[in-house]
Amino acid sequence: GTMTEADALHFCTVDYDDSFALVAEISTDGQRQIMAIARYY
């Protein structure tokens, strides 16, 4: 359903060791937007 800030914080918080995620960003009209995400746990 609709994503909340708590949902986002859960997925955006990693320790770069046991959990890691990469984002791909593209610039559109001067603003960067996420176009893809890869992660492992």
Full PDB file with SEQRES, HELIX, SHEET, SSBOND, CRYST1, ORIGX, SCALE, CONECT and MASTER records, all heavy atoms in Angstrom:
SEQRES   1 A   41  GLY THR MET THR GLU ALA ASP ALA LEU HIS PHE CYS THR          
SEQRES   2 A   41  VAL ASP TYR ASP ASP SER PHE ALA LEU VAL ALA GLU ILE          
SEQRES   3 A   41  SER THR ASP GLY GLN ARG GLN ILE MET ALA ILE ALA ARG          
SEQRES   4 A   41  TYR TYR                                                      
HELIX    1 AA1 GLU A    5  CYS A   12  1                                   8    
SHEET    1 AA1 2 PHE A  20  THR A  28  0                                        
SHEET    2 AA1 2 GLN A  31  TYR A  40 -1                                        
CRYST1    1.000    1.000    1.000  90.00  90.00  90.00 P 1           1          
ORIGX1      1.000000  0.000000  0.000000        0.00000                         
ORIGX2      0.000000  1.000000  0.000000        0.00000                         
ORIGX3      0.000000  0.000000  1.000000        0.00000                         
SCALE1      1.000000  0.000000  0.000000        0.00000                         
SCALE2      0.000000  1.000000  0.000000        0.00000                         
SCALE3      0.000000  0.000000  1.000000        0.00000                         
ATOM      1  N   GLY A   1       0.819  -1.206   0.000  1.00  0.00           N  
ATOM      2  CA  GLY A   1       0.000   0.000   0.000  1.00  0.00           C  
ATOM      3  C   GLY A   1       0.848   1.249   0.000  1.00  0.00           C  
ATOM      4  O   GLY A   1       2.001   1.256  -0.449  1.00  0.00           O  
ATOM      5  N   THR A   2       0.284   2.327   0.519  1.00  0.00           N  
ATOM      6  CA  THR A   2       0.990   3.603   0.555  1.00  0.00           C  
ATOM      7  C   THR A   2       2.202   3.507   1.469  1.00  0.00           C  
ATOM      8  O   THR A   2       2.134   2.992   2.583  1.00  0.00           O  
ATOM      9  CB  THR A   2       0.048   4.715   1.061  1.00  0.00           C  
ATOM     10  OG1 THR A   2      -1.085   4.794   0.188  1.00  0.00           O  
ATOM     11  CG2 THR A   2       0.772   6.056   1.078  1.00  0.00           C  
ATOM     12  N   MET A   3       3.341   4.019   0.988  1.00  0.00           N  
ATOM     13  CA  MET A   3       4.571   3.967   1.762  1.00  0.00           C  
ATOM     14  C   MET A   3       4.615   5.091   2.794  1.00  0.00           C  
ATOM     15  O   MET A   3       4.213   6.223   2.519  1.00  0.00           O  
ATOM     16  CB  MET A   3       5.781   4.088   0.837  1.00  0.00           C  
ATOM     17  CG  MET A   3       5.831   3.026  -0.233  1.00  0.00           C  
ATOM     18  SD  MET A   3       5.914   1.361   0.476  1.00  0.00           S  
ATOM     19  CE  MET A   3       5.588   0.372  -0.977  1.00  0.00           C  
ATOM     20  N   THR A   4       5.111   4.778   3.976  1.00  0.00           N  
ATOM     21  CA  THR A   4       5.260   5.767   5.039  1.00  0.00           C  
ATOM     22  C   THR A   4       6.732   6.075   5.249  1.00  0.00           C  
ATOM     23  O   THR A   4       7.622   5.402   4.722  1.00  0.00           O  
ATOM     24  CB  THR A   4       4.674   5.249   6.358  1.00  0.00           C  
ATOM     25  OG1 THR A   4       5.497   4.166   6.833  1.00  0.00           O  
ATOM     26  CG2 THR A   4       3.245   4.755   6.173  1.00  0.00           C  
ATOM     27  N   GLU A   5       6.984   7.100   6.053  1.00  0.00           N  
ATOM     28  CA  GLU A   5       8.366   7.450   6.371  1.00  0.00           C  
ATOM     29  C   GLU A   5       9.046   6.316   7.132  1.00  0.00           C  
ATOM     30  O   GLU A   5      10.244   6.071   6.953  1.00  0.00           O  
ATOM     31  CB  GLU A   5       8.411   8.738   7.193  1.00  0.00           C  
ATOM     32  CG  GLU A   5       9.830   9.236   7.438  1.00  0.00           C  
ATOM     33  CD  GLU A   5       9.865  10.551   8.189  1.00  0.00           C  
ATOM     34  OE1 GLU A   5       8.784  11.101   8.469  1.00  0.00           O  
ATOM     35  OE2 GLU A   5      10.968  11.025   8.495  1.00  0.00           O  
ATOM     36  N   ALA A   6       8.284   5.612   7.973  1.00  0.00           N  
ATOM     37  CA  ALA A   6       8.862   4.480   8.703  1.00  0.00           C  
ATOM     38  C   ALA A   6       9.283   3.372   7.741  1.00  0.00           C  
ATOM     39  O   ALA A   6      10.338   2.755   7.917  1.00  0.00           O  
ATOM     40  CB  ALA A   6       7.858   3.945   9.724  1.00  0.00           C  
ATOM     41  N   ASP A   7       8.450   3.094   6.733  1.00  0.00           N  
ATOM     42  CA  ASP A   7       8.814   2.115   5.724  1.00  0.00           C  
ATOM     43  C   ASP A   7      10.112   2.521   5.031  1.00  0.00           C  
ATOM     44  O   ASP A   7      11.035   1.720   4.856  1.00  0.00           O  
ATOM     45  CB  ASP A   7       7.719   1.998   4.657  1.00  0.00           C  
ATOM     46  CG  ASP A   7       6.365   1.618   5.227  1.00  0.00           C  
ATOM     47  OD1 ASP A   7       6.340   0.853   6.215  1.00  0.00           O  
ATOM     48  OD2 ASP A   7       5.354   2.081   4.684  1.00  0.00           O  
ATOM     49  N   ALA A   8      10.165   3.785   4.616  1.00  0.00           N  
ATOM     50  CA  ALA A   8      11.330   4.281   3.889  1.00  0.00           C  
ATOM     51  C   ALA A   8      12.594   4.203   4.746  1.00  0.00           C  
ATOM     52  O   ALA A   8      13.654   3.800   4.266  1.00  0.00           O  
ATOM     53  CB  ALA A   8      11.088   5.718   3.438  1.00  0.00           C  
ATOM     54  N   LEU A   9      12.481   4.585   6.018  1.00  0.00           N  
ATOM     55  CA  LEU A   9      13.647   4.547   6.897  1.00  0.00           C  
ATOM     56  C   LEU A   9      14.139   3.124   7.073  1.00  0.00           C  
ATOM     57  O   LEU A   9      15.350   2.863   7.121  1.00  0.00           O  
ATOM     58  CB  LEU A   9      13.302   5.165   8.254  1.00  0.00           C  
ATOM     59  CG  LEU A   9      14.472   5.341   9.223  1.00  0.00           C  
ATOM     60  CD1 LEU A   9      15.532   6.259   8.632  1.00  0.00           C  
ATOM     61  CD2 LEU A   9      13.989   5.884  10.559  1.00  0.00           C  
ATOM     62  N   HIS A  10      13.215   2.174   7.144  1.00  0.00           N  
ATOM     63  CA  HIS A  10      13.575   0.764   7.257  1.00  0.00           C  
ATOM     64  C   HIS A  10      14.422   0.323   6.071  1.00  0.00           C  
ATOM     65  O   HIS A  10      15.452  -0.337   6.227  1.00  0.00           O  
ATOM     66  CB  HIS A  10      12.304  -0.074   7.354  1.00  0.00           C  
ATOM     67  CG  HIS A  10      12.519  -1.546   7.228  1.00  0.00           C  
ATOM     68  ND1 HIS A  10      13.237  -2.291   8.145  1.00  0.00           N  
ATOM     69  CD2 HIS A  10      12.112  -2.427   6.281  1.00  0.00           C  
ATOM     70  CE1 HIS A  10      13.260  -3.560   7.768  1.00  0.00           C  
ATOM     71  NE2 HIS A  10      12.581  -3.666   6.627  1.00  0.00           N  
ATOM     72  N   PHE A  11      14.011   0.710   4.873  1.00  0.00           N  
ATOM     73  CA  PHE A  11      14.711   0.270   3.674  1.00  0.00           C  
ATOM     74  C   PHE A  11      15.964   1.099   3.371  1.00  0.00           C  
ATOM     75  O   PHE A  11      16.880   0.616   2.714  1.00  0.00           O  
ATOM     76  CB  PHE A  11      13.769   0.307   2.474  1.00  0.00           C  
ATOM     77  CG  PHE A  11      12.871  -0.893   2.381  1.00  0.00           C  
ATOM     78  CD1 PHE A  11      11.604  -0.868   2.932  1.00  0.00           C  
ATOM     79  CD2 PHE A  11      13.292  -2.052   1.767  1.00  0.00           C  
ATOM     80  CE1 PHE A  11      10.768  -1.977   2.866  1.00  0.00           C  
ATOM     81  CE2 PHE A  11      12.474  -3.166   1.694  1.00  0.00           C  
ATOM     82  CZ  PHE A  11      11.206  -3.130   2.241  1.00  0.00           C  
ATOM     83  N   CYS A  12      16.001   2.338   3.825  1.00  0.00           N  
ATOM     84  CA  CYS A  12      17.141   3.209   3.527  1.00  0.00           C  
ATOM     85  C   CYS A  12      18.252   3.111   4.562  1.00  0.00           C  
ATOM     86  O   CYS A  12      19.327   3.689   4.372  1.00  0.00           O  
ATOM     87  CB  CYS A  12      16.682   4.664   3.420  1.00  0.00           C  
ATOM     88  SG  CYS A  12      15.609   4.999   2.002  1.00  0.00           S  
ATOM     89  N   THR A  13      18.017   2.420   5.656  1.00  0.00           N  
ATOM     90  CA  THR A  13      19.005   2.319   6.726  1.00  0.00           C  
ATOM     91  C   THR A  13      19.776   1.013   6.597  1.00  0.00           C  
ATOM     92  O   THR A  13      19.209  -0.068   6.717  1.00  0.00           O  
ATOM     93  CB  THR A  13      18.323   2.377   8.106  1.00  0.00           C  
ATOM     94  OG1 THR A  13      17.592   3.598   8.205  1.00  0.00           O  
ATOM     95  CG2 THR A  13      19.360   2.319   9.217  1.00  0.00           C  
ATOM     96  N   VAL A  14      21.062   1.116   6.319  1.00  0.00           N  
ATOM     97  CA  VAL A  14      21.942  -0.046   6.185  1.00  0.00           C  
ATOM     98  C   VAL A  14      23.229   0.231   6.936  1.00  0.00           C  
ATOM     99  O   VAL A  14      23.548   1.379   7.259  1.00  0.00           O  
ATOM    100  CB  VAL A  14      22.250  -0.354   4.697  1.00  0.00           C  
ATOM    101  CG1 VAL A  14      20.980  -0.698   3.930  1.00  0.00           C  
ATOM    102  CG2 VAL A  14      22.962   0.827   4.039  1.00  0.00           C  
ATOM    103  N   ASP A  15      23.995  -0.832   7.203  1.00  0.00           N  
ATOM    104  CA  ASP A  15      25.274  -0.631   7.887  1.00  0.00           C  
ATOM    105  C   ASP A  15      26.470  -0.838   6.961  1.00  0.00           C  
ATOM    106  O   ASP A  15      27.609  -0.802   7.407  1.00  0.00           O  
ATOM    107  CB  ASP A  15      25.382  -1.543   9.115  1.00  0.00           C  
ATOM    108  CG  ASP A  15      25.399  -3.032   8.756  1.00  0.00           C  
ATOM    109  OD1 ASP A  15      25.329  -3.374   7.548  1.00  0.00           O  
ATOM    110  OD2 ASP A  15      25.476  -3.856   9.683  1.00  0.00           O  
ATOM    111  N   TYR A  16      26.204  -1.071   5.659  1.00  0.00           N  
ATOM    112  CA  TYR A  16      27.234  -1.253   4.629  1.00  0.00           C  
ATOM    113  C   TYR A  16      28.115  -2.468   4.890  1.00  0.00           C  
ATOM    114  O   TYR A  16      29.226  -2.556   4.366  1.00  0.00           O  
ATOM    115  CB  TYR A  16      28.100   0.003   4.484  1.00  0.00           C  
ATOM    116  CG  TYR A  16      27.297   1.263   4.291  1.00  0.00           C  
ATOM    117  CD1 TYR A  16      27.340   2.298   5.233  1.00  0.00           C  
ATOM    118  CD2 TYR A  16      26.479   1.428   3.181  1.00  0.00           C  
ATOM    119  CE1 TYR A  16      26.602   3.453   5.060  1.00  0.00           C  
ATOM    120  CE2 TYR A  16      25.724   2.574   2.999  1.00  0.00           C  
ATOM    121  CZ  TYR A  16      25.797   3.589   3.938  1.00  0.00           C  
ATOM    122  OH  TYR A  16      25.051   4.725   3.770  1.00  0.00           O  
ATOM    123  N   ASP A  17      27.612  -3.409   5.662  1.00  0.00           N  
ATOM    124  CA  ASP A  17      28.336  -4.646   5.939  1.00  0.00           C  
ATOM    125  C   ASP A  17      27.343  -5.800   5.904  1.00  0.00           C  
ATOM    126  O   ASP A  17      27.247  -6.505   4.900  1.00  0.00           O  
ATOM    127  CB  ASP A  17      29.031  -4.552   7.302  1.00  0.00           C  
ATOM    128  CG  ASP A  17      29.799  -5.822   7.663  1.00  0.00           C  
ATOM    129  OD1 ASP A  17      29.900  -6.736   6.819  1.00  0.00           O  
ATOM    130  OD2 ASP A  17      30.303  -5.912   8.807  1.00  0.00           O  
ATOM    131  N   ASP A  18      26.576  -5.969   6.964  1.00  0.00           N  
ATOM    132  CA  ASP A  18      25.540  -7.000   6.974  1.00  0.00           C  
ATOM    133  C   ASP A  18      24.360  -6.622   6.079  1.00  0.00           C  
ATOM    134  O   ASP A  18      23.634  -7.499   5.603  1.00  0.00           O  
ATOM    135  CB  ASP A  18      25.042  -7.230   8.403  1.00  0.00           C  
ATOM    136  CG  ASP A  18      26.088  -7.921   9.263  1.00  0.00           C  
ATOM    137  OD1 ASP A  18      27.039  -8.491   8.708  1.00  0.00           O  
ATOM    138  OD2 ASP A  18      25.955  -7.868  10.499  1.00  0.00           O  
ATOM    139  N   SER A  19      24.161  -5.349   5.882  1.00  0.00           N  
ATOM    140  CA  SER A  19      23.136  -4.871   4.951  1.00  0.00           C  
ATOM    141  C   SER A  19      23.741  -3.778   4.090  1.00  0.00           C  
ATOM    142  O   SER A  19      24.538  -2.962   4.563  1.00  0.00           O  
ATOM    143  CB  SER A  19      21.910  -4.345   5.707  1.00  0.00           C  
ATOM    144  OG  SER A  19      22.278  -3.342   6.638  1.00  0.00           O  
ATOM    145  N   PHE A  20      23.371  -3.792   2.827  1.00  0.00           N  
ATOM    146  CA  PHE A  20      23.977  -2.857   1.871  1.00  0.00           C  
ATOM    147  C   PHE A  20      22.967  -2.593   0.767  1.00  0.00           C  
ATOM    148  O   PHE A  20      22.250  -3.495   0.344  1.00  0.00           O  
ATOM    149  CB  PHE A  20      25.243  -3.464   1.265  1.00  0.00           C  
ATOM    150  CG  PHE A  20      26.145  -2.484   0.564  1.00  0.00           C  
ATOM    151  CD1 PHE A  20      27.304  -2.035   1.177  1.00  0.00           C  
ATOM    152  CD2 PHE A  20      25.854  -2.015  -0.706  1.00  0.00           C  
ATOM    153  CE1 PHE A  20      28.140  -1.125   0.539  1.00  0.00           C  
ATOM    154  CE2 PHE A  20      26.673  -1.110  -1.348  1.00  0.00           C  
ATOM    155  CZ  PHE A  20      27.823  -0.669  -0.730  1.00  0.00           C  
ATOM    156  N   ALA A  21      22.908  -1.358   0.303  1.00  0.00           N  
ATOM    157  CA  ALA A  21      22.015  -1.032  -0.814  1.00  0.00           C  
ATOM    158  C   ALA A  21      22.652   0.029  -1.683  1.00  0.00           C  
ATOM    159  O   ALA A  21      23.349   0.935  -1.198  1.00  0.00           O  
ATOM    160  CB  ALA A  21      20.660  -0.554  -0.312  1.00  0.00           C  
ATOM    161  N   LEU A  22      22.421  -0.101  -2.975  1.00  0.00           N  
ATOM    162  CA  LEU A  22      22.862   0.884  -3.959  1.00  0.00           C  
ATOM    163  C   LEU A  22      21.639   1.510  -4.604  1.00  0.00           C  
ATOM    164  O   LEU A  22      20.638   0.831  -4.837  1.00  0.00           O  
ATOM    165  CB  LEU A  22      23.702   0.219  -5.053  1.00  0.00           C  
ATOM    166  CG  LEU A  22      25.045  -0.369  -4.656  1.00  0.00           C  
ATOM    167  CD1 LEU A  22      25.579  -1.252  -5.784  1.00  0.00           C  
ATOM    168  CD2 LEU A  22      26.050   0.738  -4.331  1.00  0.00           C  
ATOM    169  N   VAL A  23      21.731   2.810  -4.907  1.00  0.00           N  
ATOM    170  CA  VAL A  23      20.705   3.457  -5.701  1.00  0.00           C  
ATOM    171  C   VAL A  23      21.331   3.939  -7.000  1.00  0.00           C  
ATOM    172  O   VAL A  23      22.520   4.280  -7.044  1.00  0.00           O  
ATOM    173  CB  VAL A  23      20.059   4.656  -4.963  1.00  0.00           C  
ATOM    174  CG1 VAL A  23      19.386   4.191  -3.690  1.00  0.00           C  
ATOM    175  CG2 VAL A  23      21.075   5.747  -4.666  1.00  0.00           C  
ATOM    176  N   ALA A  24      20.539   3.945  -8.056  1.00  0.00           N  
ATOM    177  CA  ALA A  24      20.910   4.588  -9.311  1.00  0.00           C  
ATOM    178  C   ALA A  24      20.077   5.850  -9.415  1.00  0.00           C  
ATOM    179  O   ALA A  24      18.849   5.799  -9.291  1.00  0.00           O  
ATOM    180  CB  ALA A  24      20.656   3.661 -10.493  1.00  0.00           C  
ATOM    181  N   GLU A  25      20.736   6.983  -9.610  1.00  0.00           N  
ATOM    182  CA  GLU A  25      20.051   8.276  -9.678  1.00  0.00           C  
ATOM    183  C   GLU A  25      20.265   8.903 -11.044  1.00  0.00           C  
ATOM    184  O   GLU A  25      21.347   8.822 -11.615  1.00  0.00           O  
ATOM    185  CB  GLU A  25      20.619   9.244  -8.641  1.00  0.00           C  
ATOM    186  CG  GLU A  25      20.280   8.952  -7.204  1.00  0.00           C  
ATOM    187  CD  GLU A  25      20.842  10.016  -6.284  1.00  0.00           C  
ATOM    188  OE1 GLU A  25      21.928  10.559  -6.584  1.00  0.00           O  
ATOM    189  OE2 GLU A  25      20.209  10.291  -5.266  1.00  0.00           O  
ATOM    190  N   ILE A  26      19.247   9.554 -11.541  1.00  0.00           N  
ATOM    191  CA  ILE A  26      19.353  10.301 -12.791  1.00  0.00           C  
ATOM    192  C   ILE A  26      18.873  11.719 -12.536  1.00  0.00           C  
ATOM    193  O   ILE A  26      17.974  11.953 -11.724  1.00  0.00           O  
ATOM    194  CB  ILE A  26      18.541   9.623 -13.909  1.00  0.00           C  
ATOM    195  CG1 ILE A  26      18.913  10.195 -15.266  1.00  0.00           C  
ATOM    196  CG2 ILE A  26      17.039   9.716 -13.651  1.00  0.00           C  
ATOM    197  CD1 ILE A  26      18.460   9.344 -16.436  1.00  0.00           C  
ATOM    198  N   SER A  27      19.496  12.674 -13.208  1.00  0.00           N  
ATOM    199  CA  SER A  27      19.135  14.075 -13.028  1.00  0.00           C  
ATOM    200  C   SER A  27      18.048  14.453 -14.028  1.00  0.00           C  
ATOM    201  O   SER A  27      18.214  14.268 -15.241  1.00  0.00           O  
ATOM    202  CB  SER A  27      20.359  14.973 -13.226  1.00  0.00           C  
ATOM    203  OG  SER A  27      20.025  16.328 -13.027  1.00  0.00           O  
ATOM    204  N   THR A  28      16.931  14.969 -13.505  1.00  0.00           N  
ATOM    205  CA  THR A  28      15.815  15.405 -14.335  1.00  0.00           C  
ATOM    206  C   THR A  28      15.440  16.818 -13.936  1.00  0.00           C  
ATOM    207  O   THR A  28      15.077  17.060 -12.792  1.00  0.00           O  
ATOM    208  CB  THR A  28      14.594  14.475 -14.163  1.00  0.00           C  
ATOM    209  OG1 THR A  28      14.984  13.125 -14.467  1.00  0.00           O  
ATOM    210  CG2 THR A  28      13.468  14.890 -15.082  1.00  0.00           C  
ATOM    211  N   ASP A  29      15.568  17.742 -14.869  1.00  0.00           N  
ATOM    212  CA  ASP A  29      15.266  19.156 -14.599  1.00  0.00           C  
ATOM    213  C   ASP A  29      16.047  19.668 -13.391  1.00  0.00           C  
ATOM    214  O   ASP A  29      15.520  20.408 -12.546  1.00  0.00           O  
ATOM    215  CB  ASP A  29      13.761  19.351 -14.369  1.00  0.00           C  
ATOM    216  CG  ASP A  29      12.944  19.003 -15.610  1.00  0.00           C  
ATOM    217  OD1 ASP A  29      13.447  19.212 -16.721  1.00  0.00           O  
ATOM    218  OD2 ASP A  29      11.808  18.516 -15.446  1.00  0.00           O  
ATOM    219  N   GLY A  30      17.305  19.236 -13.290  1.00  0.00           N  
ATOM    220  CA  GLY A  30      18.170  19.704 -12.218  1.00  0.00           C  
ATOM    221  C   GLY A  30      17.989  19.000 -10.895  1.00  0.00           C  
ATOM    222  O   GLY A  30      18.689  19.320  -9.934  1.00  0.00           O  
ATOM    223  N   GLN A  31      17.071  18.045 -10.824  1.00  0.00           N  
ATOM    224  CA  GLN A  31      16.841  17.310  -9.587  1.00  0.00           C  
ATOM    225  C   GLN A  31      17.130  15.832  -9.811  1.00  0.00           C  
ATOM    226  O   GLN A  31      16.750  15.265 -10.831  1.00  0.00           O  
ATOM    227  CB  GLN A  31      15.405  17.490  -9.102  1.00  0.00           C  
ATOM    228  CG  GLN A  31      15.079  18.905  -8.685  1.00  0.00           C  
ATOM    229  CD  GLN A  31      13.704  19.010  -8.057  1.00  0.00           C  
ATOM    230  OE1 GLN A  31      12.878  18.104  -8.183  1.00  0.00           O  
ATOM    231  NE2 GLN A  31      13.448  20.107  -7.358  1.00  0.00           N  
ATOM    232  N   ARG A  32      17.816  15.219  -8.838  1.00  0.00           N  
ATOM    233  CA  ARG A  32      18.142  13.807  -8.958  1.00  0.00           C  
ATOM    234  C   ARG A  32      16.975  12.956  -8.484  1.00  0.00           C  
ATOM    235  O   ARG A  32      16.374  13.229  -7.447  1.00  0.00           O  
ATOM    236  CB  ARG A  32      19.414  13.468  -8.164  1.00  0.00           C  
ATOM    237  CG  ARG A  32      20.673  14.005  -8.821  1.00  0.00           C  
ATOM    238  CD  ARG A  32      21.927  13.325  -8.287  1.00  0.00           C  
ATOM    239  NE  ARG A  32      23.106  13.679  -9.054  1.00  0.00           N  
ATOM    240  CZ  ARG A  32      23.499  13.042 -10.163  1.00  0.00           C  
ATOM    241  NH1 ARG A  32      22.796  12.036 -10.613  1.00  0.00           N  
ATOM    242  NH2 ARG A  32      24.583  13.410 -10.803  1.00  0.00           N  
ATOM    243  N   GLN A  33      16.677  11.920  -9.252  1.00  0.00           N  
ATOM    244  CA  GLN A  33      15.595  11.003  -8.918  1.00  0.00           C  
ATOM    245  C   GLN A  33      16.126   9.582  -8.939  1.00  0.00           C  
ATOM    246  O   GLN A  33      16.929   9.218  -9.804  1.00  0.00           O  
ATOM    247  CB  GLN A  33      14.450  11.135  -9.927  1.00  0.00           C  
ATOM    248  CG  GLN A  33      13.805  12.500  -9.944  1.00  0.00           C  
ATOM    249  CD  GLN A  33      12.698  12.589 -10.989  1.00  0.00           C  
ATOM    250  OE1 GLN A  33      12.658  11.807 -11.933  1.00  0.00           O  
ATOM    251  NE2 GLN A  33      11.786  13.527 -10.803  1.00  0.00           N  
ATOM    252  N   ILE A  34      15.681   8.770  -7.982  1.00  0.00           N  
ATOM    253  CA  ILE A  34      16.091   7.370  -7.953  1.00  0.00           C  
ATOM    254  C   ILE A  34      15.402   6.632  -9.096  1.00  0.00           C  
ATOM    255  O   ILE A  34      14.198   6.759  -9.299  1.00  0.00           O  
ATOM    256  CB  ILE A  34      15.733   6.724  -6.601  1.00  0.00           C  
ATOM    257  CG1 ILE A  34      16.545   7.373  -5.479  1.00  0.00           C  
ATOM    258  CG2 ILE A  34      15.974   5.219  -6.636  1.00  0.00           C  
ATOM    259  CD1 ILE A  34      16.194   6.863  -4.084  1.00  0.00           C  
ATOM    260  N   MET A  35      16.187   5.866  -9.847  1.00  0.00           N  
ATOM    261  CA  MET A  35      15.647   5.086 -10.959  1.00  0.00           C  
ATOM    262  C   MET A  35      15.762   3.587 -10.726  1.00  0.00           C  
ATOM    263  O   MET A  35      15.135   2.799 -11.445  1.00  0.00           O  
ATOM    264  CB  MET A  35      16.372   5.456 -12.260  1.00  0.00           C  
ATOM    265  CG  MET A  35      17.877   5.278 -12.174  1.00  0.00           C  
ATOM    266  SD  MET A  35      18.795   6.035 -13.537  1.00  0.00           S  
ATOM    267  CE  MET A  35      18.524   4.838 -14.824  1.00  0.00           C  
ATOM    268  N   ALA A  36      16.547   3.175  -9.723  1.00  0.00           N  
ATOM    269  CA  ALA A  36      16.699   1.747  -9.422  1.00  0.00           C  
ATOM    270  C   ALA A  36      17.376   1.593  -8.065  1.00  0.00           C  
ATOM    271  O   ALA A  36      18.099   2.485  -7.606  1.00  0.00           O  
ATOM    272  CB  ALA A  36      17.526   1.045 -10.494  1.00  0.00           C  
ATOM    273  N   ILE A  37      17.129   0.451  -7.434  1.00  0.00           N  
ATOM    274  CA  ILE A  37      17.739   0.126  -6.142  1.00  0.00           C  
ATOM    275  C   ILE A  37      18.128  -1.350  -6.145  1.00  0.00           C  
ATOM    276  O   ILE A  37      17.360  -2.201  -6.595  1.00  0.00           O  
ATOM    277  CB  ILE A  37      16.784   0.403  -4.963  1.00  0.00           C  
ATOM    278  CG1 ILE A  37      16.368   1.874  -4.930  1.00  0.00           C  
ATOM    279  CG2 ILE A  37      17.430   0.009  -3.634  1.00  0.00           C  
ATOM    280  CD1 ILE A  37      15.337   2.193  -3.856  1.00  0.00           C  
ATOM    281  N   ALA A  38      19.320  -1.642  -5.639  1.00  0.00           N  
ATOM    282  CA  ALA A  38      19.761  -3.029  -5.432  1.00  0.00           C  
ATOM    283  C   ALA A  38      20.229  -3.157  -3.993  1.00  0.00           C  
ATOM    284  O   ALA A  38      20.858  -2.238  -3.459  1.00  0.00           O  
ATOM    285  CB  ALA A  38      20.895  -3.385  -6.396  1.00  0.00           C  
ATOM    286  N   ARG A  39      19.931  -4.279  -3.366  1.00  0.00           N  
ATOM    287  CA  ARG A  39      20.330  -4.445  -1.971  1.00  0.00           C  
ATOM    288  C   ARG A  39      20.633  -5.895  -1.659  1.00  0.00           C  
ATOM    289  O   ARG A  39      20.186  -6.813  -2.353  1.00  0.00           O  
ATOM    290  CB  ARG A  39      19.261  -3.932  -1.011  1.00  0.00           C  
ATOM    291  CG  ARG A  39      17.975  -4.748  -0.978  1.00  0.00           C  
ATOM    292  CD  ARG A  39      17.025  -4.221   0.096  1.00  0.00           C  
ATOM    293  NE  ARG A  39      16.624  -2.851  -0.163  1.00  0.00           N  
ATOM    294  CZ  ARG A  39      16.975  -1.812   0.612  1.00  0.00           C  
ATOM    295  NH1 ARG A  39      17.693  -1.994   1.702  1.00  0.00           N  
ATOM    296  NH2 ARG A  39      16.574  -0.596   0.315  1.00  0.00           N  
ATOM    297  N   TYR A  40      21.425  -6.073  -0.592  1.00  0.00           N  
ATOM    298  CA  TYR A  40      21.601  -7.412  -0.038  1.00  0.00           C  
ATOM    299  C   TYR A  40      21.456  -7.349   1.461  1.00  0.00           C  
ATOM    300  O   TYR A  40      21.592  -6.284   2.077  1.00  0.00           O  
ATOM    301  CB  TYR A  40      22.940  -8.047  -0.445  1.00  0.00           C  
ATOM    302  CG  TYR A  40      24.180  -7.542   0.277  1.00  0.00           C  
ATOM    303  CD1 TYR A  40      24.413  -7.804   1.631  1.00  0.00           C  
ATOM    304  CD2 TYR A  40      25.160  -6.831  -0.405  1.00  0.00           C  
ATOM    305  CE1 TYR A  40      25.550  -7.358   2.284  1.00  0.00           C  
ATOM    306  CE2 TYR A  40      26.308  -6.387   0.237  1.00  0.00           C  
ATOM    307  CZ  TYR A  40      26.499  -6.653   1.592  1.00  0.00           C  
ATOM    308  OH  TYR A  40      27.630  -6.201   2.234  1.00  0.00           O  
ATOM    309  N   TYR A  41      21.181  -8.494   2.068  1.00  0.00           N  
ATOM    310  CA  TYR A  41      21.095  -8.626   3.518  1.00  0.00           C  
ATOM    311  C   TYR A  41      21.756  -9.947   3.886  1.00  0.00           C  
ATOM    312  O   TYR A  41      21.363 -11.003   3.408  1.00  0.00           O  
ATOM    313  CB  TYR A  41      19.634  -8.602   3.988  1.00  0.00           C  
ATOM    314  CG  TYR A  41      19.484  -8.484   5.479  1.00  0.00           C  
ATOM    315  CD1 TYR A  41      19.346  -7.243   6.090  1.00  0.00           C  
ATOM    316  CD2 TYR A  41      19.498  -9.613   6.284  1.00  0.00           C  
ATOM    317  CE1 TYR A  41      19.213  -7.137   7.464  1.00  0.00           C  
ATOM    318  CE2 TYR A  41      19.366  -9.509   7.662  1.00  0.00           C  
ATOM    319  CZ  TYR A  41      19.228  -8.265   8.242  1.00  0.00           C  
ATOM    320  OH  TYR A  41      19.110  -8.174   9.605  1.00  0.00           O  
TER     321      TYR A  41                                                      
MASTER        0    0    0    1    2    0    0    6  320    1    0    4          
END                                                                             
